[in-house]
Amino acid sequence: MIYLDNTLQERLTEFYQKSRRLTILTGAGLSADSGIPTFRGKEGFWTIGSVNYMPEEMGTYEMFLDKPLEVWKWFLYRFNICIKALPNKGHFAIKELEDTFTDRFRLITQNVDGLHFKAQSSRERTFLIHGTLEKARCGSECSSELYPYPQIPLEKGQELTSEQTELLKCPKCGNYLRPHVLWFDERYNEKHYKLDSSLRVAKETGLLLIVGTSGATTLPRRIVESVLSKQGIIIDINPNENYFSELAQKKKNGYWLKGNSSDILPEFVDFFKGL
């Protein structure tokens, strides 16, 4: 094996022989090999009139209240990139790890692209802590009902027709729907984003694989800290140095595997299947 050296294999064997969970925490880097950009860089810029807006400005409740249709156009553009994408080797390896560990397995994902489910990861063991582009809900919170995401093919520069605009309205109150995702100016909660559930999973986790996330938001950091506090092992899988890789290298129970998840995750599958 290229990435799992003898020392790490011994630690993984010790973990496997115990009854604690394998949890995988995934972020946007996992879907990079599927052609989905993070939308935090230049791919996420959005022009309204003569002004360029950053993703951190577009993906907010404040912007939704001010310019709901512009926010929807940006999210519909993102959705139409995601819906065309296919899972990569990393997604399928995660599904195989779930099959190996069954109820000892949990998946916590920041990704809203739906690729885990295209790879047949189970919904029962998956926690969508940033929501999903599969669903929408009333932007005025007139009810807690989730609706199917509006199927509107929209490219950059296209305008919404009046018929398409009607599809973006709540069937109950007539106000605009919103994508069922966590925006930059919102906080995690249990109702929509499984805050408490994911922290409970962290406390039961003996091995946490951190895949393609840099630790830019609070809940993933809390999850990692909780695993470490219970003497769990953390392994950051990322080609780039980041908050989690730096943290892992400071901890006796921490490891950084520098490389692409599509290359590294299949090694975990082969290793655990061989035990």
Protein backbone atom coordinates (compact mmCIF):
# COMPACT_ATOMS: atom_id res chain seq x y z
CA MET A 1 0.00 0.00 0.00
CA ILE A 2 1.20 3.49 -0.85
CA TYR A 3 -0.51 5.55 1.86
CA LEU A 4 -1.18 3.14 4.74
CA ASP A 5 2.22 2.35 6.25
CA ASN A 6 2.83 -0.47 8.76
CA THR A 7 2.42 1.74 11.82
CA LEU A 8 -0.91 3.11 10.61
CA GLN A 9 -2.08 -0.38 9.65
CA GLU A 10 -1.44 -1.54 13.21
CA ARG A 11 -3.51 1.35 14.58
CA LEU A 12 -6.31 0.59 12.13
CA THR A 13 -6.29 -3.08 13.12
CA GLU A 14 -6.57 -2.15 16.81
CA PHE A 15 -9.50 0.11 15.99
CA TYR A 16 -11.25 -2.55 13.91
CA GLN A 17 -11.10 -5.06 16.75
CA LYS A 18 -13.00 -2.70 19.04
CA SER A 19 -16.67 -1.75 18.75
CA ARG A 20 -16.44 1.99 18.15
CA ARG A 21 -17.68 3.65 14.99
CA LEU A 22 -15.98 4.54 11.74
CA THR A 23 -17.17 8.02 10.77
CA ILE A 24 -16.29 9.84 7.57
CA LEU A 25 -16.53 13.64 7.39
CA THR A 26 -16.58 14.92 3.82
CA GLY A 27 -16.28 18.34 2.20
CA ALA A 28 -16.08 19.90 -1.25
CA GLY A 29 -12.64 18.45 -2.00
CA LEU A 30 -14.17 14.98 -2.31
CA SER A 31 -16.28 16.08 -5.27
CA ALA A 32 -13.44 17.86 -7.09
CA ASP A 33 -12.67 14.68 -9.08
CA SER A 34 -16.30 14.72 -10.22
CA GLY A 35 -15.81 18.14 -11.78
CA ILE A 36 -17.72 20.13 -9.18
CA PRO A 37 -15.93 23.36 -8.21
CA THR A 38 -16.02 24.58 -4.64
CA PHE A 39 -17.79 27.81 -5.72
CA ARG A 40 -15.67 29.67 -3.15
CA GLY A 41 -13.19 30.79 -5.83
CA LYS A 42 -13.69 32.52 -9.17
CA GLU A 43 -16.19 29.81 -10.21
CA GLY A 44 -18.59 31.22 -7.63
CA PHE A 45 -18.48 34.86 -8.71
CA TRP A 46 -21.87 36.21 -9.74
CA THR A 47 -22.50 39.45 -11.60
CA ILE A 48 -25.57 41.57 -10.91
CA GLY A 49 -25.56 44.61 -13.15
CA SER A 50 -21.97 45.79 -13.08
CA VAL A 51 -21.14 44.41 -9.62
CA ASN A 52 -19.35 41.12 -8.98
CA TYR A 53 -20.46 39.30 -5.84
CA MET A 54 -18.49 36.68 -3.93
CA PRO A 55 -20.07 33.34 -2.92
CA GLU A 56 -19.95 34.50 0.71
CA GLU A 57 -22.23 37.38 -0.33
CA MET A 58 -24.56 35.39 -2.61
CA GLY A 59 -25.09 32.49 -0.22
CA THR A 60 -26.69 34.47 2.59
CA TYR A 61 -30.16 34.97 3.98
CA GLU A 62 -29.53 38.70 3.84
CA MET A 63 -28.99 38.57 0.07
CA PHE A 64 -32.01 36.29 -0.32
CA LEU A 65 -34.22 38.87 1.39
CA ASP A 66 -32.79 41.65 -0.77
CA LYS A 67 -32.50 39.87 -4.15
CA PRO A 68 -34.31 36.51 -3.97
CA LEU A 69 -34.37 35.87 -7.71
CA GLU A 70 -30.66 36.61 -8.13
CA VAL A 71 -29.88 34.17 -5.32
CA TRP A 72 -32.09 31.58 -6.97
CA LYS A 73 -30.38 32.09 -10.35
CA TRP A 74 -27.00 31.47 -8.70
CA PHE A 75 -28.23 28.33 -6.94
CA LEU A 76 -29.98 27.00 -10.05
CA TYR A 77 -26.73 27.42 -11.96
CA ARG A 78 -24.92 25.46 -9.22
CA PHE A 79 -27.62 22.81 -9.15
CA ASN A 80 -27.37 22.20 -12.88
CA ILE A 81 -23.64 21.59 -12.54
CA CYS A 82 -24.21 19.15 -9.66
CA ILE A 83 -27.04 17.24 -11.33
CA LYS A 84 -24.83 16.40 -14.33
CA ALA A 85 -21.94 15.19 -12.16
CA LEU A 86 -21.23 11.54 -11.36
CA PRO A 87 -19.68 10.03 -8.22
CA ASN A 88 -15.96 9.33 -8.32
CA LYS A 89 -13.82 6.57 -6.83
CA GLY A 90 -13.85 8.31 -3.47
CA HIS A 91 -17.64 8.26 -3.23
CA PHE A 92 -17.79 4.59 -4.17
CA ALA A 93 -15.04 3.71 -1.67
CA ILE A 94 -17.07 5.39 1.09
CA LYS A 95 -20.08 3.27 0.09
CA GLU A 96 -17.90 0.13 0.29
CA LEU A 97 -16.70 1.13 3.74
CA GLU A 98 -20.33 1.49 4.81
CA ASP A 99 -21.04 -2.00 3.48
CA THR A 100 -18.07 -3.35 5.45
CA PHE A 101 -18.88 -1.65 8.77
CA THR A 102 -22.69 -1.61 8.41
CA ASP A 103 -24.15 -0.10 11.60
CA ARG A 104 -20.72 0.86 12.93
CA PHE A 105 -20.53 3.36 10.06
CA ARG A 106 -21.70 6.98 9.85
CA LEU A 107 -21.22 9.60 7.13
CA ILE A 108 -21.28 13.31 7.97
CA THR A 109 -21.11 15.52 4.89
CA GLN A 110 -20.89 19.22 4.20
CA ASN A 111 -21.60 18.54 0.54
CA VAL A 112 -24.98 19.53 -0.90
CA ASP A 113 -24.37 17.97 -4.34
CA GLY A 114 -26.12 14.62 -3.77
CA LEU A 115 -23.21 12.53 -5.07
CA HIS A 116 -23.08 10.32 -1.96
CA PHE A 117 -26.61 9.17 -2.72
CA LYS A 118 -25.80 8.64 -6.40
CA ALA A 119 -23.09 6.28 -5.11
CA GLN A 120 -25.81 4.51 -3.05
CA SER A 121 -24.72 5.63 0.42
CA SER A 122 -27.68 5.05 2.74
CA ARG A 123 -29.73 8.02 3.87
CA GLU A 124 -30.21 6.44 7.30
CA ARG A 125 -26.48 6.64 8.11
CA THR A 126 -25.82 9.99 6.40
CA PHE A 127 -25.99 13.39 8.13
CA LEU A 128 -26.34 16.39 5.79
CA ILE A 129 -24.94 19.13 8.00
CA HIS A 130 -25.09 21.79 5.26
CA GLY A 131 -28.41 20.67 3.79
CA THR A 132 -28.99 19.48 0.22
CA LEU A 133 -29.75 20.81 -3.23
CA GLU A 134 -32.34 18.05 -3.56
CA LYS A 135 -34.82 20.08 -1.50
CA ALA A 136 -36.25 23.56 -0.98
CA ARG A 137 -38.33 25.04 1.81
CA CYS A 138 -40.36 28.18 2.42
CA GLY A 139 -38.09 31.20 2.74
CA SER A 140 -40.55 32.70 5.21
CA GLU A 141 -40.69 29.45 7.24
CA CYS A 142 -44.49 29.26 6.97
CA SER A 143 -44.09 25.52 7.57
CA SER A 144 -41.31 22.97 8.05
CA GLU A 145 -42.28 21.08 4.90
CA LEU A 146 -39.55 20.26 2.38
CA TYR A 147 -40.34 20.47 -1.33
CA PRO A 148 -38.54 19.01 -4.36
CA TYR A 149 -35.84 21.33 -5.68
CA PRO A 150 -37.17 23.33 -8.66
CA GLN A 151 -36.11 21.66 -11.91
CA ILE A 152 -35.15 24.74 -13.90
CA PRO A 153 -32.25 24.46 -16.37
CA LEU A 154 -30.43 27.78 -16.09
CA GLU A 155 -27.00 28.82 -17.31
CA LYS A 156 -25.00 31.90 -16.42
CA GLY A 157 -26.46 34.98 -18.04
CA GLN A 158 -29.93 33.52 -18.55
CA GLU A 159 -33.00 35.20 -17.10
CA LEU A 160 -35.92 33.47 -15.44
CA THR A 161 -39.22 33.45 -17.27
CA SER A 162 -42.44 34.36 -15.46
CA GLU A 163 -43.45 30.69 -15.54
CA GLN A 164 -40.15 29.64 -13.98
CA THR A 165 -40.46 32.34 -11.32
CA GLU A 166 -43.79 30.86 -10.27
CA LEU A 167 -42.05 27.51 -9.65
CA LEU A 168 -39.92 29.25 -7.02
CA LYS A 169 -42.88 30.18 -4.82
CA CYS A 170 -44.10 28.35 -1.73
CA PRO A 171 -47.28 26.35 -2.50
CA LYS A 172 -48.72 27.31 0.90
CA CYS A 173 -48.05 31.02 1.35
CA GLY A 174 -46.89 32.24 -2.05
CA ASN A 175 -43.60 33.71 -0.79
CA TYR A 176 -40.35 32.59 -2.36
CA LEU A 177 -38.94 29.19 -1.57
CA ARG A 178 -35.27 28.94 -0.61
CA PRO A 179 -32.71 26.18 -1.21
CA HIS A 180 -32.52 23.80 1.76
CA VAL A 181 -28.91 24.68 2.53
CA LEU A 182 -26.99 26.37 5.33
CA TRP A 183 -26.12 29.91 4.34
CA PHE A 184 -23.02 31.81 5.42
CA ASP A 185 -24.95 34.06 7.81
CA GLU A 186 -26.90 31.22 9.46
CA ARG A 187 -26.15 28.91 12.37
CA TYR A 188 -26.21 25.14 12.63
CA ASN A 189 -29.26 23.58 14.26
CA GLU A 190 -30.64 20.07 14.75
CA LYS A 191 -33.88 20.62 12.84
CA HIS A 192 -32.32 21.29 9.46
CA TYR A 193 -28.62 20.47 9.82
CA LYS A 194 -28.31 17.64 12.40
CA LEU A 195 -26.17 19.59 14.87
CA ASP A 196 -26.86 17.46 17.96
CA SER A 197 -27.02 14.15 16.07
CA SER A 198 -23.62 14.63 14.45
CA LEU A 199 -22.02 15.57 17.77
CA ARG A 200 -23.47 12.41 19.35
CA VAL A 201 -21.95 10.38 16.52
CA ALA A 202 -18.57 12.04 17.15
CA LYS A 203 -18.56 10.87 20.77
CA GLU A 204 -19.01 7.26 19.62
CA THR A 205 -16.34 7.47 16.91
CA GLY A 206 -13.10 5.53 17.21
CA LEU A 207 -11.80 6.44 13.74
CA LEU A 208 -12.64 9.63 11.85
CA LEU A 209 -11.60 10.05 8.22
CA ILE A 210 -11.66 13.73 7.24
CA VAL A 211 -11.96 13.98 3.47
CA GLY A 212 -11.67 17.15 1.42
CA THR A 213 -12.64 19.72 4.03
CA SER A 214 -10.40 22.45 5.38
CA GLY A 215 -12.22 23.20 8.63
CA ALA A 216 -13.59 26.59 7.61
CA THR A 217 -16.84 26.15 9.57
CA THR A 218 -17.51 25.48 13.23
CA LEU A 219 -19.38 22.18 13.35
CA PRO A 220 -16.72 20.11 11.54
CA ARG A 221 -14.15 21.48 13.99
CA ARG A 222 -16.34 20.54 16.94
CA ILE A 223 -16.79 17.04 15.52
CA VAL A 224 -13.03 16.54 15.20
CA GLU A 225 -12.36 17.93 18.67
CA SER A 226 -15.02 15.64 20.14
CA VAL A 227 -13.45 12.55 18.53
CA LEU A 228 -10.03 13.49 19.88
CA SER A 229 -11.45 14.13 23.36
CA LYS A 230 -12.68 10.51 23.43
CA GLN A 231 -9.25 9.19 22.34
CA GLY A 232 -10.41 8.51 18.79
CA ILE A 233 -8.07 8.52 15.78
CA ILE A 234 -8.35 11.26 13.17
CA ILE A 235 -6.92 10.94 9.66
CA ASP A 236 -7.01 13.96 7.36
CA ILE A 237 -7.06 13.07 3.66
CA ASN A 238 -6.25 16.14 1.64
CA PRO A 239 -3.68 17.14 -1.00
CA ASN A 240 -3.31 20.55 0.62
CA GLU A 241 -2.24 21.57 4.10
CA ASN A 242 -5.17 22.91 6.09
CA TYR A 243 -6.52 23.40 9.61
CA PHE A 244 -7.19 19.68 10.10
CA SER A 245 -3.86 18.50 8.70
CA GLU A 246 -2.02 20.87 11.03
CA LEU A 247 -4.11 19.71 13.98
CA ALA A 248 -3.58 16.03 13.12
CA GLN A 249 0.18 16.41 13.01
CA LYS A 250 0.18 17.81 16.56
CA LYS A 251 -1.79 14.89 18.03
CA LYS A 252 -0.58 11.39 18.88
CA ASN A 253 -3.87 10.08 17.46
CA GLY A 254 -3.64 12.22 14.34
CA TYR A 255 -2.41 11.53 10.81
CA TRP A 256 -2.29 13.47 7.55
CA LEU A 257 -2.37 11.49 4.31
CA LYS A 258 -1.36 13.97 1.62
CA GLY A 259 -3.07 13.09 -1.64
CA ASN A 260 -6.37 12.77 -3.48
CA SER A 261 -9.25 10.96 -1.84
CA SER A 262 -9.87 8.99 -5.04
CA ASP A 263 -6.44 7.39 -4.57
CA ILE A 264 -6.40 7.03 -0.79
CA LEU A 265 -9.90 5.87 0.17
CA PRO A 266 -9.73 2.65 -1.92
CA GLU A 267 -6.70 1.63 0.16
CA PHE A 268 -8.85 1.77 3.30
CA VAL A 269 -11.44 -0.43 1.56
CA ASP A 270 -8.80 -3.02 0.62
CA PHE A 271 -7.26 -2.96 4.08
CA PHE A 272 -10.46 -3.43 6.07
CA LYS A 273 -11.79 -6.06 3.67
CA GLY A 274 -8.59 -7.99 4.26
CA LEU A 275 -9.00 -8.19 8.04
